[in-house]
Amino acid sequence: MIDLRSDTVTQPSKEMLEAMFQAKVGDDVFGEDPTVNALESYAAGYFGKEAALFCSSGTQTNQIAINVHVQPGGEVICHEESHIYKYEGGGIAKNSGASVRLLHGDRGRIKATEISKYLNPKHDVHFPLTALVSLEDTANRGGGAIYDFNEIKTIKKLCQTEGLPLHLDGARLMNALVVNKINPIEYANEFDSISLCLSKGLGAPIGSVLLGTKDFITKARRVRKVFGGGMRQAGIIAAGGLYAMKKNVARLDVDHFHAKQLEECLNNCTWVQSVLPVQTNIVVMQLMDADKRDFYIESLANNGIKTMAFGIGMIRMVTHLDVSEDQISMVCETLKSFH
């Protein structure tokens, strides 16, 4: 099967497995796992942050960050399609007792002008206190759309003026940085906290890191423990993440090239109405006949191609390191055969 459902389905390479097998380990809750410490140090240095925290998933790093930033009863501003709201099990409400202000935005992205309209008055007791702004780059529901860095800077200035922290769900941040070629330290400087997934395009089997100041990460470490996320000899999995950060960033261009090939093919398919403009590794198509979504997903599966439903009449395909050039050609030939 050619699995295009997500970039989370990747298998660790022989070299990554060897790095994991050879990892030196200790008790991470005691702060004594040398491989976890090495990963956290490397990730923090890569983005110019003071500290980092290794966690099991991007959902966990996002939810920990929100819990540190927001007091119960506070409000989080984010896009209505953002992962922290849509795909994290209601965690903002359940874990942090916070409400959410959802903005419409564009392809998963929001602007400072929109955010400023929905900052709640601080001295009016009828409203929850606006406590956090969260962005997602790349935006999953926006088809892997990338933020304009100048807009991020404008949002940061607004947050500074209003005394608000700015969080980034950077599940696929590396994909964005490979495309826009912005220095990671310069980029990360605009955010108070960053969640970075190692288990998507970077190809690690598990794990995410949370980045921030030393004080923020100290608080985050406590929340991780409370959430049941304290791990012991976690160096075995941290080694995969460290290998991914060091070896699998530059090659993301290959995934983006494959996604552009799929986009071009789909734009020439009569049964496809439109394709969200591809910027990274996510391809989202809107079908001419929305009712045939499951039919096409099943037909693709019968031809050895796994895809994912992504809304009414929408199908998503995601390229990754386990999809070859030849496989992309095979997928395109199959897509062209449909009517």
C-alpha atoms as a PDB file:
ATOM      1  CA  MET A   1       0.000   0.000   0.000  1.00  0.00           C
ATOM      2  CA  ILE A   2       1.054   3.586  -0.700  1.00  0.00           C
ATOM      3  CA  ASP A   3      -0.047   5.315   2.486  1.00  0.00           C
ATOM      4  CA  LEU A   4      -0.866   8.988   1.931  1.00  0.00           C
ATOM      5  CA  ARG A   5      -3.220   9.397   4.885  1.00  0.00           C
ATOM      6  CA  SER A   6      -0.671  11.302   6.954  1.00  0.00           C
ATOM      7  CA  ASP A   7       3.041  11.871   7.504  1.00  0.00           C
ATOM      8  CA  THR A   8       2.569  10.216  10.908  1.00  0.00           C
ATOM      9  CA  VAL A   9       2.640   6.753   9.303  1.00  0.00           C
ATOM     10  CA  THR A  10       6.376   6.759   8.539  1.00  0.00           C
ATOM     11  CA  GLN A  11       8.606   3.898   9.645  1.00  0.00           C
ATOM     12  CA  PRO A  12      11.990   4.589  11.285  1.00  0.00           C
ATOM     13  CA  SER A  13      14.919   3.972   8.950  1.00  0.00           C
ATOM     14  CA  LYS A  14      17.618   1.393   9.659  1.00  0.00           C
ATOM     15  CA  GLU A  15      19.964   4.206  10.706  1.00  0.00           C
ATOM     16  CA  MET A  16      17.384   5.741  13.035  1.00  0.00           C
ATOM     17  CA  LEU A  17      16.648   2.366  14.617  1.00  0.00           C
ATOM     18  CA  GLU A  18      20.353   1.838  15.174  1.00  0.00           C
ATOM     19  CA  ALA A  19      20.604   5.224  16.906  1.00  0.00           C
ATOM     20  CA  MET A  20      17.669   4.242  19.128  1.00  0.00           C
ATOM     21  CA  PHE A  21      19.176   0.826  19.861  1.00  0.00           C
ATOM     22  CA  GLN A  22      22.483   2.417  20.894  1.00  0.00           C
ATOM     23  CA  ALA A  23      20.916   5.200  23.005  1.00  0.00           C
ATOM     24  CA  LYS A  24      22.210   5.756  26.506  1.00  0.00           C
ATOM     25  CA  VAL A  25      19.308   6.040  28.935  1.00  0.00           C
ATOM     26  CA  GLY A  26      18.469   7.112  32.453  1.00  0.00           C
ATOM     27  CA  ASP A  27      15.427   8.238  34.433  1.00  0.00           C
ATOM     28  CA  ASP A  28      14.037  11.308  32.663  1.00  0.00           C
ATOM     29  CA  VAL A  29      11.686  12.243  35.517  1.00  0.00           C
ATOM     30  CA  PHE A  30      14.850  12.655  37.572  1.00  0.00           C
ATOM     31  CA  GLY A  31      16.376  14.553  34.660  1.00  0.00           C
ATOM     32  CA  GLU A  32      18.969  11.813  34.255  1.00  0.00           C
ATOM     33  CA  ASP A  33      18.380  10.496  30.748  1.00  0.00           C
ATOM     34  CA  PRO A  34      21.392  11.684  28.726  1.00  0.00           C
ATOM     35  CA  THR A  35      19.742  11.171  25.342  1.00  0.00           C
ATOM     36  CA  VAL A  36      16.603  13.083  26.311  1.00  0.00           C
ATOM     37  CA  ASN A  37      18.803  15.841  27.691  1.00  0.00           C
ATOM     38  CA  ALA A  38      20.784  15.886  24.449  1.00  0.00           C
ATOM     39  CA  LEU A  39      17.609  16.171  22.372  1.00  0.00           C
ATOM     40  CA  GLU A  40      16.211  18.953  24.530  1.00  0.00           C
ATOM     41  CA  SER A  41      19.513  20.839  24.409  1.00  0.00           C
ATOM     42  CA  TYR A  42      19.813  20.442  20.645  1.00  0.00           C
ATOM     43  CA  ALA A  43      16.224  21.542  19.989  1.00  0.00           C
ATOM     44  CA  ALA A  44      16.532  24.567  22.278  1.00  0.00           C
ATOM     45  CA  GLY A  45      19.796  25.604  20.632  1.00  0.00           C
ATOM     46  CA  TYR A  46      18.409  25.076  17.129  1.00  0.00           C
ATOM     47  CA  PHE A  47      15.654  27.602  17.807  1.00  0.00           C
ATOM     48  CA  GLY A  48      17.579  29.877  20.152  1.00  0.00           C
ATOM     49  CA  LYS A  49      15.339  29.130  23.120  1.00  0.00           C
ATOM     50  CA  GLU A  50      16.542  28.720  26.691  1.00  0.00           C
ATOM     51  CA  ALA A  51      15.074  25.276  27.260  1.00  0.00           C
ATOM     52  CA  ALA A  52      12.998  22.439  25.846  1.00  0.00           C
ATOM     53  CA  LEU A  53      10.852  19.585  27.131  1.00  0.00           C
ATOM     54  CA  PHE A  54      10.491  16.200  25.425  1.00  0.00           C
ATOM     55  CA  CYS A  55       6.926  14.848  25.387  1.00  0.00           C
ATOM     56  CA  SER A  56       5.072  11.968  23.809  1.00  0.00           C
ATOM     57  CA  SER A  57       2.965  13.954  21.331  1.00  0.00           C
ATOM     58  CA  GLY A  58       2.146  17.317  19.809  1.00  0.00           C
ATOM     59  CA  THR A  59      -1.205  17.279  21.548  1.00  0.00           C
ATOM     60  CA  GLN A  60       0.612  16.947  24.856  1.00  0.00           C
ATOM     61  CA  THR A  61       3.053  19.791  24.154  1.00  0.00           C
ATOM     62  CA  ASN A  62       0.208  22.050  23.008  1.00  0.00           C
ATOM     63  CA  GLN A  63      -1.967  21.247  25.989  1.00  0.00           C
ATOM     64  CA  ILE A  64       0.890  21.700  28.447  1.00  0.00           C
ATOM     65  CA  ALA A  65       1.706  25.089  26.935  1.00  0.00           C
ATOM     66  CA  ILE A  66      -1.906  26.216  27.160  1.00  0.00           C
ATOM     67  CA  ASN A  67      -2.098  25.051  30.775  1.00  0.00           C
ATOM     68  CA  VAL A  68       1.014  27.041  31.701  1.00  0.00           C
ATOM     69  CA  HIS A  69      -0.080  30.191  29.883  1.00  0.00           C
ATOM     70  CA  VAL A  70      -3.791  30.270  30.786  1.00  0.00           C
ATOM     71  CA  GLN A  71      -5.582  30.388  34.127  1.00  0.00           C
ATOM     72  CA  PRO A  72      -9.002  28.675  34.433  1.00  0.00           C
ATOM     73  CA  GLY A  73     -11.659  30.960  33.026  1.00  0.00           C
ATOM     74  CA  GLY A  74      -9.269  32.587  30.579  1.00  0.00           C
ATOM     75  CA  GLU A  75      -9.753  32.614  26.827  1.00  0.00           C
ATOM     76  CA  VAL A  76      -7.567  31.356  23.978  1.00  0.00           C
ATOM     77  CA  ILE A  77      -7.712  33.035  20.566  1.00  0.00           C
ATOM     78  CA  CYS A  78      -7.071  30.717  17.605  1.00  0.00           C
ATOM     79  CA  HIS A  79      -8.318  29.826  14.134  1.00  0.00           C
ATOM     80  CA  GLU A  80     -11.582  27.889  14.047  1.00  0.00           C
ATOM     81  CA  GLU A  81      -9.858  24.995  12.239  1.00  0.00           C
ATOM     82  CA  SER A  82      -6.784  24.924  14.475  1.00  0.00           C
ATOM     83  CA  HIS A  83      -5.539  21.590  15.771  1.00  0.00           C
ATOM     84  CA  ILE A  84      -5.537  22.721  19.419  1.00  0.00           C
ATOM     85  CA  TYR A  85      -9.302  23.277  19.176  1.00  0.00           C
ATOM     86  CA  LYS A  86     -10.487  20.753  16.608  1.00  0.00           C
ATOM     87  CA  TYR A  87      -8.351  17.659  17.150  1.00  0.00           C
ATOM     88  CA  GLU A  88      -7.234  17.596  20.777  1.00  0.00           C
ATOM     89  CA  GLY A  89     -10.319  16.134  22.413  1.00  0.00           C
ATOM     90  CA  GLY A  90     -11.622  19.337  23.984  1.00  0.00           C
ATOM     91  CA  GLY A  91      -8.413  19.568  25.983  1.00  0.00           C
ATOM     92  CA  ILE A  92      -8.474  23.357  26.286  1.00  0.00           C
ATOM     93  CA  ALA A  93     -11.693  23.118  28.279  1.00  0.00           C
ATOM     94  CA  LYS A  94     -10.992  19.856  30.079  1.00  0.00           C
ATOM     95  CA  ASN A  95      -7.339  20.375  30.987  1.00  0.00           C
ATOM     96  CA  SER A  96      -7.196  24.124  31.537  1.00  0.00           C
ATOM     97  CA  GLY A  97     -10.783  25.230  32.145  1.00  0.00           C
ATOM     98  CA  ALA A  98     -10.443  27.838  29.410  1.00  0.00           C
ATOM     99  CA  SER A  99     -12.806  29.098  26.746  1.00  0.00           C
ATOM    100  CA  VAL A 100     -11.911  29.631  23.104  1.00  0.00           C
ATOM    101  CA  ARG A 101     -12.450  32.544  20.725  1.00  0.00           C
ATOM    102  CA  LEU A 102     -12.498  31.105  17.203  1.00  0.00           C
ATOM    103  CA  LEU A 103     -11.554  33.285  14.227  1.00  0.00           C
ATOM    104  CA  HIS A 104     -12.378  32.543  10.583  1.00  0.00           C
ATOM    105  CA  GLY A 105      -9.100  33.611   9.019  1.00  0.00           C
ATOM    106  CA  ASP A 106      -7.727  32.224   5.770  1.00  0.00           C
ATOM    107  CA  ARG A 107      -6.632  28.611   5.243  1.00  0.00           C
ATOM    108  CA  GLY A 108      -5.992  28.115   8.951  1.00  0.00           C
ATOM    109  CA  ARG A 109      -4.209  31.453   9.397  1.00  0.00           C
ATOM    110  CA  ILE A 110      -5.340  34.541  11.300  1.00  0.00           C
ATOM    111  CA  LYS A 111      -4.235  38.191  11.184  1.00  0.00           C
ATOM    112  CA  ALA A 112      -3.500  40.795  13.798  1.00  0.00           C
ATOM    113  CA  THR A 113      -6.390  42.952  12.562  1.00  0.00           C
ATOM    114  CA  GLU A 114      -8.787  40.071  13.245  1.00  0.00           C
ATOM    115  CA  ILE A 115      -7.266  39.259  16.627  1.00  0.00           C
ATOM    116  CA  SER A 116      -7.521  42.871  17.812  1.00  0.00           C
ATOM    117  CA  LYS A 117     -11.296  42.852  17.243  1.00  0.00           C
ATOM    118  CA  TYR A 118     -11.782  40.011  19.700  1.00  0.00           C
ATOM    119  CA  LEU A 119      -9.594  41.024  22.622  1.00  0.00           C
ATOM    120  CA  ASN A 120     -11.989  41.075  25.550  1.00  0.00           C
ATOM    121  CA  PRO A 121     -12.196  44.237  27.690  1.00  0.00           C
ATOM    122  CA  LYS A 122     -10.026  43.631  30.743  1.00  0.00           C
ATOM    123  CA  HIS A 123     -12.222  45.497  33.208  1.00  0.00           C
ATOM    124  CA  ASP A 124     -15.608  44.148  32.138  1.00  0.00           C
ATOM    125  CA  VAL A 125     -16.499  41.224  34.401  1.00  0.00           C
ATOM    126  CA  HIS A 126     -18.945  39.844  31.842  1.00  0.00           C
ATOM    127  CA  PHE A 127     -16.098  38.631  29.656  1.00  0.00           C
ATOM    128  CA  PRO A 128     -13.380  36.018  30.174  1.00  0.00           C
ATOM    129  CA  LEU A 129      -9.898  37.466  30.166  1.00  0.00           C
ATOM    130  CA  THR A 130      -8.109  37.016  26.867  1.00  0.00           C
ATOM    131  CA  ALA A 131      -5.053  35.021  27.952  1.00  0.00           C
ATOM    132  CA  LEU A 132      -3.309  33.531  24.901  1.00  0.00           C
ATOM    133  CA  VAL A 133      -3.022  33.746  21.120  1.00  0.00           C
ATOM    134  CA  SER A 134      -2.147  30.519  19.306  1.00  0.00           C
ATOM    135  CA  LEU A 135      -1.051  30.137  15.672  1.00  0.00           C
ATOM    136  CA  GLU A 136      -0.486  26.982  13.602  1.00  0.00           C
ATOM    137  CA  ASP A 137       2.305  26.880  11.009  1.00  0.00           C
ATOM    138  CA  THR A 138       1.951  25.058   8.720  1.00  0.00           C
ATOM    139  CA  ALA A 139      -1.836  24.977   8.949  1.00  0.00           C
ATOM    140  CA  ASN A 140      -3.077  21.406   8.601  1.00  0.00           C
ATOM    141  CA  ARG A 141      -6.688  22.246   7.732  1.00  0.00           C
ATOM    142  CA  GLY A 142      -5.416  24.914   5.347  1.00  0.00           C
ATOM    143  CA  GLY A 143      -3.684  22.283   3.259  1.00  0.00           C
ATOM    144  CA  GLY A 144      -0.237  22.913   4.709  1.00  0.00           C
ATOM    145  CA  ALA A 145      -0.442  26.686   4.268  1.00  0.00           C
ATOM    146  CA  ILE A 146       2.477  28.770   5.546  1.00  0.00           C
ATOM    147  CA  TYR A 147       2.215  31.998   7.539  1.00  0.00           C
ATOM    148  CA  ASP A 148       3.615  35.223   6.158  1.00  0.00           C
ATOM    149  CA  PHE A 149       6.465  35.971   8.573  1.00  0.00           C
ATOM    150  CA  ASN A 150       5.702  39.684   8.498  1.00  0.00           C
ATOM    151  CA  GLU A 151       2.178  38.900   9.704  1.00  0.00           C
ATOM    152  CA  ILE A 152       3.609  36.834  12.546  1.00  0.00           C
ATOM    153  CA  LYS A 153       5.732  39.835  13.541  1.00  0.00           C
ATOM    154  CA  THR A 154       2.661  42.070  13.492  1.00  0.00           C
ATOM    155  CA  ILE A 155       0.747  39.612  15.667  1.00  0.00           C
ATOM    156  CA  LYS A 156       3.674  39.460  18.083  1.00  0.00           C
ATOM    157  CA  LYS A 157       3.715  43.264  18.414  1.00  0.00           C
ATOM    158  CA  LEU A 158      -0.006  43.219  19.186  1.00  0.00           C
ATOM    159  CA  CYS A 159       0.499  40.516  21.800  1.00  0.00           C
ATOM    160  CA  GLN A 160       3.329  42.464  23.422  1.00  0.00           C
ATOM    161  CA  THR A 161       1.187  45.597  23.549  1.00  0.00           C
ATOM    162  CA  GLU A 162      -1.662  43.660  25.137  1.00  0.00           C
ATOM    163  CA  GLY A 163       0.571  41.645  27.479  1.00  0.00           C
ATOM    164  CA  LEU A 164      -0.415  38.333  25.873  1.00  0.00           C
ATOM    165  CA  PRO A 165       1.796  35.282  25.278  1.00  0.00           C
ATOM    166  CA  LEU A 166       1.996  33.929  21.731  1.00  0.00           C
ATOM    167  CA  HIS A 167       2.097  30.140  21.241  1.00  0.00           C
ATOM    168  CA  LEU A 168       2.913  28.240  18.078  1.00  0.00           C
ATOM    169  CA  ASP A 169       1.559  24.835  17.199  1.00  0.00           C
ATOM    170  CA  GLY A 170       4.515  24.013  14.986  1.00  0.00           C
ATOM    171  CA  ALA A 171       3.631  20.394  14.308  1.00  0.00           C
ATOM    172  CA  ARG A 172       4.991  20.858  10.773  1.00  0.00           C
ATOM    173  CA  LEU A 173       7.114  23.938  11.428  1.00  0.00           C
ATOM    174  CA  MET A 174      10.160  22.415   9.764  1.00  0.00           C
ATOM    175  CA  ASN A 175       8.187  22.129   6.520  1.00  0.00           C
ATOM    176  CA  ALA A 176       7.477  25.853   6.674  1.00  0.00           C
ATOM    177  CA  LEU A 177      11.081  26.806   7.425  1.00  0.00           C
ATOM    178  CA  VAL A 178      12.431  24.691   4.559  1.00  0.00           C
ATOM    179  CA  VAL A 179      10.173  26.639   2.185  1.00  0.00           C
ATOM    180  CA  ASN A 180      10.466  30.190   3.520  1.00  0.00           C
ATOM    181  CA  LYS A 181      14.152  29.760   4.443  1.00  0.00           C
ATOM    182  CA  ILE A 182      13.795  31.950   7.530  1.00  0.00           C
ATOM    183  CA  ASN A 183      16.453  31.432  10.169  1.00  0.00           C
ATOM    184  CA  PRO A 184      14.936  29.184  12.873  1.00  0.00           C
ATOM    185  CA  ILE A 185      16.236  31.403  15.683  1.00  0.00           C
ATOM    186  CA  GLU A 186      14.834  34.546  14.082  1.00  0.00           C
ATOM    187  CA  TYR A 187      11.502  32.808  13.533  1.00  0.00           C
ATOM    188  CA  ALA A 188      11.271  31.335  17.033  1.00  0.00           C
ATOM    189  CA  ASN A 189      12.074  34.687  18.633  1.00  0.00           C
ATOM    190  CA  GLU A 190       8.526  35.825  17.818  1.00  0.00           C
ATOM    191  CA  PHE A 191       6.949  33.138  20.031  1.00  0.00           C
ATOM    192  CA  ASP A 192       6.807  32.612  23.783  1.00  0.00           C
ATOM    193  CA  SER A 193       6.361  28.874  23.331  1.00  0.00           C
ATOM    194  CA  ILE A 194       6.632  26.453  20.422  1.00  0.00           C
ATOM    195  CA  SER A 195       5.392  22.883  20.006  1.00  0.00           C
ATOM    196  CA  LEU A 196       7.417  20.930  17.437  1.00  0.00           C
ATOM    197  CA  CYS A 197       6.499  17.411  16.272  1.00  0.00           C
ATOM    198  CA  LEU A 198       9.261  14.923  15.529  1.00  0.00           C
ATOM    199  CA  SER A 199       6.898  12.163  14.377  1.00  0.00           C
ATOM    200  CA  LYS A 200       5.483  13.783  11.231  1.00  0.00           C
ATOM    201  CA  GLY A 201       7.636  14.884   8.301  1.00  0.00           C
ATOM    202  CA  LEU A 202      10.823  14.352  10.277  1.00  0.00           C
ATOM    203  CA  GLY A 203      10.052  10.640  10.485  1.00  0.00           C
ATOM    204  CA  ALA A 204      10.620   9.804  14.156  1.00  0.00           C
ATOM    205  CA  PRO A 205       8.294   7.097  15.522  1.00  0.00           C
ATOM    206  CA  ILE A 206       7.130   9.177  18.483  1.00  0.00           C
ATOM    207  CA  GLY A 207       7.600  12.455  20.273  1.00  0.00           C
ATOM    208  CA  SER A 208       7.414  16.246  20.286  1.00  0.00           C
ATOM    209  CA  VAL A 209       9.369  18.976  22.003  1.00  0.00           C
ATOM    210  CA  LEU A 210       8.078  22.096  23.738  1.00  0.00           C
ATOM    211  CA  LEU A 211      10.322  25.163  23.616  1.00  0.00           C
ATOM    212  CA  GLY A 212      10.428  28.263  25.787  1.00  0.00           C
ATOM    213  CA  THR A 213      12.246  30.069  28.577  1.00  0.00           C
ATOM    214  CA  LYS A 214      13.790  28.164  31.477  1.00  0.00           C
ATOM    215  CA  ASP A 215      11.017  29.356  33.781  1.00  0.00           C
ATOM    216  CA  PHE A 216       8.324  28.328  31.299  1.00  0.00           C
ATOM    217  CA  ILE A 217       9.816  24.868  30.789  1.00  0.00           C
ATOM    218  CA  THR A 218      10.192  24.372  34.557  1.00  0.00           C
ATOM    219  CA  LYS A 219       6.464  24.986  34.896  1.00  0.00           C
ATOM    220  CA  ALA A 220       5.763  22.830  31.840  1.00  0.00           C
ATOM    221  CA  ARG A 221       7.719  19.937  33.337  1.00  0.00           C
ATOM    222  CA  ARG A 222       5.443  20.008  36.379  1.00  0.00           C
ATOM    223  CA  VAL A 223       2.331  20.064  34.174  1.00  0.00           C
ATOM    224  CA  ARG A 224       3.698  17.173  32.120  1.00  0.00           C
ATOM    225  CA  LYS A 225       3.979  15.151  35.312  1.00  0.00           C
ATOM    226  CA  VAL A 226       0.445  16.082  36.378  1.00  0.00           C
ATOM    227  CA  PHE A 227      -0.856  15.066  32.951  1.00  0.00           C
ATOM    228  CA  GLY A 228       0.782  11.662  33.385  1.00  0.00           C
ATOM    229  CA  GLY A 229       3.447  12.429  30.822  1.00  0.00           C
ATOM    230  CA  GLY A 230       6.537  11.782  32.920  1.00  0.00           C
ATOM    231  CA  MET A 231       8.678   9.181  31.159  1.00  0.00           C
ATOM    232  CA  ARG A 232      11.521   7.121  32.562  1.00  0.00           C
ATOM    233  CA  GLN A 233      14.137   5.628  30.198  1.00  0.00           C
ATOM    234  CA  ALA A 234      12.804   7.731  27.348  1.00  0.00           C
ATOM    235  CA  GLY A 235      16.168   8.054  25.612  1.00  0.00           C
ATOM    236  CA  ILE A 236      15.248   5.099  23.424  1.00  0.00           C
ATOM    237  CA  ILE A 237      12.589   7.183  21.688  1.00  0.00           C
ATOM    238  CA  ALA A 238      14.366  10.515  22.124  1.00  0.00           C
ATOM    239  CA  ALA A 239      17.245   9.134  20.044  1.00  0.00           C
ATOM    240  CA  GLY A 240      14.875   8.757  17.108  1.00  0.00           C
ATOM    241  CA  GLY A 241      13.808  12.376  17.492  1.00  0.00           C
ATOM    242  CA  LEU A 242      17.388  13.605  17.739  1.00  0.00           C
ATOM    243  CA  TYR A 243      18.336  11.665  14.601  1.00  0.00           C
ATOM    244  CA  ALA A 244      15.284  13.136  12.833  1.00  0.00           C
ATOM    245  CA  MET A 245      16.219  16.726  13.688  1.00  0.00           C
ATOM    246  CA  LYS A 246      19.810  16.248  12.564  1.00  0.00           C
ATOM    247  CA  LYS A 247      19.261  14.170   9.429  1.00  0.00           C
ATOM    248  CA  ASN A 248      15.740  14.612   8.059  1.00  0.00           C
ATOM    249  CA  VAL A 249      15.131  18.345   7.755  1.00  0.00           C
ATOM    250  CA  ALA A 250      16.806  19.175   4.417  1.00  0.00           C
ATOM    251  CA  ARG A 251      15.051  16.303   2.631  1.00  0.00           C
ATOM    252  CA  LEU A 252      11.588  17.789   3.288  1.00  0.00           C
ATOM    253  CA  ASP A 253      11.961  19.530  -0.073  1.00  0.00           C
ATOM    254  CA  VAL A 254      11.481  16.110  -1.665  1.00  0.00           C
ATOM    255  CA  ASP A 255       8.098  15.700   0.022  1.00  0.00           C
ATOM    256  CA  HIS A 256       7.069  19.167  -1.130  1.00  0.00           C
ATOM    257  CA  PHE A 257       8.077  18.348  -4.715  1.00  0.00           C
ATOM    258  CA  HIS A 258       6.004  15.169  -4.609  1.00  0.00           C
ATOM    259  CA  ALA A 259       3.010  17.112  -3.276  1.00  0.00           C
ATOM    260  CA  LYS A 260       3.305  19.605  -6.154  1.00  0.00           C
ATOM    261  CA  GLN A 261       3.272  16.682  -8.592  1.00  0.00           C
ATOM    262  CA  LEU A 262       0.043  15.429  -7.061  1.00  0.00           C
ATOM    263  CA  GLU A 263      -1.440  18.928  -7.189  1.00  0.00           C
ATOM    264  CA  GLU A 264      -0.644  19.263 -10.887  1.00  0.00           C
ATOM    265  CA  CYS A 265      -2.141  15.864 -11.613  1.00  0.00           C
ATOM    266  CA  LEU A 266      -5.334  16.525  -9.655  1.00  0.00           C
ATOM    267  CA  ASN A 267      -5.850  19.894 -11.324  1.00  0.00           C
ATOM    268  CA  ASN A 268      -6.141  17.989 -14.601  1.00  0.00           C
ATOM    269  CA  CYS A 269      -8.657  15.443 -13.289  1.00  0.00           C
ATOM    270  CA  THR A 270     -12.226  16.080 -14.439  1.00  0.00           C
ATOM    271  CA  TRP A 271     -13.683  14.598 -11.235  1.00  0.00           C
ATOM    272  CA  VAL A 272     -11.805  17.107  -9.051  1.00  0.00           C
ATOM    273  CA  GLN A 273     -13.317  20.551  -8.627  1.00  0.00           C
ATOM    274  CA  SER A 274     -10.315  22.258  -7.048  1.00  0.00           C
ATOM    275  CA  VAL A 275      -7.103  21.708  -5.083  1.00  0.00           C
ATOM    276  CA  LEU A 276      -5.891  23.947  -2.291  1.00  0.00           C
ATOM    277  CA  PRO A 277      -2.656  25.571  -3.513  1.00  0.00           C
ATOM    278  CA  VAL A 278       0.180  23.338  -2.335  1.00  0.00           C
ATOM    279  CA  GLN A 279       2.983  24.952  -0.355  1.00  0.00           C
ATOM    280  CA  THR A 280       4.350  22.016   1.618  1.00  0.00           C
ATOM    281  CA  ASN A 281       3.470  18.310   1.880  1.00  0.00           C
ATOM    282  CA  ILE A 282      -0.325  18.381   2.259  1.00  0.00           C
ATOM    283  CA  VAL A 283      -2.664  18.050  -0.725  1.00  0.00           C
ATOM    284  CA  VAL A 284      -6.387  18.690  -0.251  1.00  0.00           C
ATOM    285  CA  MET A 285      -8.858  18.196  -3.089  1.00  0.00           C
ATOM    286  CA  GLN A 286     -12.511  19.225  -3.379  1.00  0.00           C
ATOM    287  CA  LEU A 287     -14.526  16.815  -5.502  1.00  0.00           C
ATOM    288  CA  MET A 288     -16.979  17.749  -8.240  1.00  0.00           C
ATOM    289  CA  ASP A 289     -19.489  15.411  -6.626  1.00  0.00           C
ATOM    290  CA  ALA A 290     -19.198  15.686  -2.837  1.00  0.00           C
ATOM    291  CA  ASP A 291     -21.331  12.588  -2.358  1.00  0.00           C
ATOM    292  CA  LYS A 292     -18.678  10.451  -4.084  1.00  0.00           C
ATOM    293  CA  ARG A 293     -15.957  11.151  -1.514  1.00  0.00           C
ATOM    294  CA  ASP A 294     -16.105   7.720   0.116  1.00  0.00           C
ATOM    295  CA  PHE A 295     -16.397   6.071  -3.286  1.00  0.00           C
ATOM    296  CA  TYR A 296     -13.117   7.633  -4.437  1.00  0.00           C
ATOM    297  CA  ILE A 297     -11.383   6.844  -1.142  1.00  0.00           C
ATOM    298  CA  GLU A 298     -12.447   3.202  -1.488  1.00  0.00           C
ATOM    299  CA  SER A 299     -11.478   3.101  -5.154  1.00  0.00           C
ATOM    300  CA  LEU A 300      -8.036   4.465  -4.365  1.00  0.00           C
ATOM    301  CA  ALA A 301      -7.665   1.906  -1.574  1.00  0.00           C
ATOM    302  CA  ASN A 302      -8.587  -0.867  -4.007  1.00  0.00           C
ATOM    303  CA  ASN A 303      -5.693   0.375  -6.135  1.00  0.00           C
ATOM    304  CA  GLY A 304      -3.283   0.236  -3.213  1.00  0.00           C
ATOM    305  CA  ILE A 305      -3.470   3.922  -2.218  1.00  0.00           C
ATOM    306  CA  LYS A 306      -4.618   5.026   1.226  1.00  0.00           C
ATOM    307  CA  THR A 307      -6.079   8.537   1.599  1.00  0.00           C
ATOM    308  CA  MET A 308      -8.135  10.362   4.215  1.00  0.00           C
ATOM    309  CA  ALA A 309     -11.550  12.047   4.280  1.00  0.00           C
ATOM    310  CA  PHE A 310     -11.085  15.716   5.136  1.00  0.00           C
ATOM    311  CA  GLY A 311     -14.575  17.152   5.214  1.00  0.00           C
ATOM    312  CA  ILE A 312     -17.628  17.201   2.971  1.00  0.00           C
ATOM    313  CA  GLY A 313     -16.477  16.237  -0.514  1.00  0.00           C
ATOM    314  CA  MET A 314     -12.825  16.637   0.487  1.00  0.00           C
ATOM    315  CA  ILE A 315      -9.923  14.169   0.429  1.00  0.00           C
ATOM    316  CA  ARG A 316      -6.434  14.705   1.863  1.00  0.00           C
ATOM    317  CA  MET A 317      -3.133  13.213   0.772  1.00  0.00           C
ATOM    318  CA  VAL A 318       0.142  13.811   2.619  1.00  0.00           C
ATOM    319  CA  THR A 319       3.585  13.063   1.214  1.00  0.00           C
ATOM    320  CA  HIS A 320       6.430  11.861   3.431  1.00  0.00           C
ATOM    321  CA  LEU A 321       9.784  10.089   3.462  1.00  0.00           C
ATOM    322  CA  ASP A 322       8.291   6.655   2.880  1.00  0.00           C
ATOM    323  CA  VAL A 323       6.750   7.697  -0.453  1.00  0.00           C
ATOM    324  CA  SER A 324       9.079   7.426  -3.444  1.00  0.00           C
ATOM    325  CA  GLU A 325       9.151   9.172  -6.812  1.00  0.00           C
ATOM    326  CA  ASP A 326       7.988   5.959  -8.514  1.00  0.00           C
ATOM    327  CA  GLN A 327       5.072   5.655  -6.097  1.00  0.00           C
ATOM    328  CA  ILE A 328       3.990   9.226  -6.805  1.00  0.00           C
ATOM    329  CA  SER A 329       3.989   8.385 -10.512  1.00  0.00           C
ATOM    330  CA  MET A 330       1.853   5.318  -9.798  1.00  0.00           C
ATOM    331  CA  VAL A 331      -0.603   7.425  -7.789  1.00  0.00           C
ATOM    332  CA  CYS A 332      -0.857   9.977 -10.601  1.00  0.00           C
ATOM    333  CA  GLU A 333      -1.550   7.253 -13.169  1.00  0.00           C
ATOM    334  CA  THR A 334      -4.331   5.910 -10.945  1.00  0.00           C
ATOM    335  CA  LEU A 335      -5.837   9.365 -10.420  1.00  0.00           C
ATOM    336  CA  LYS A 336      -5.870   9.986 -14.183  1.00  0.00           C
ATOM    337  CA  SER A 337      -7.760   6.725 -14.741  1.00  0.00           C
ATOM    338  CA  PHE A 338     -10.756   7.866 -12.693  1.00  0.00           C
ATOM    339  CA  HIS A 339     -13.763   9.646 -14.170  1.00  0.00           C
END
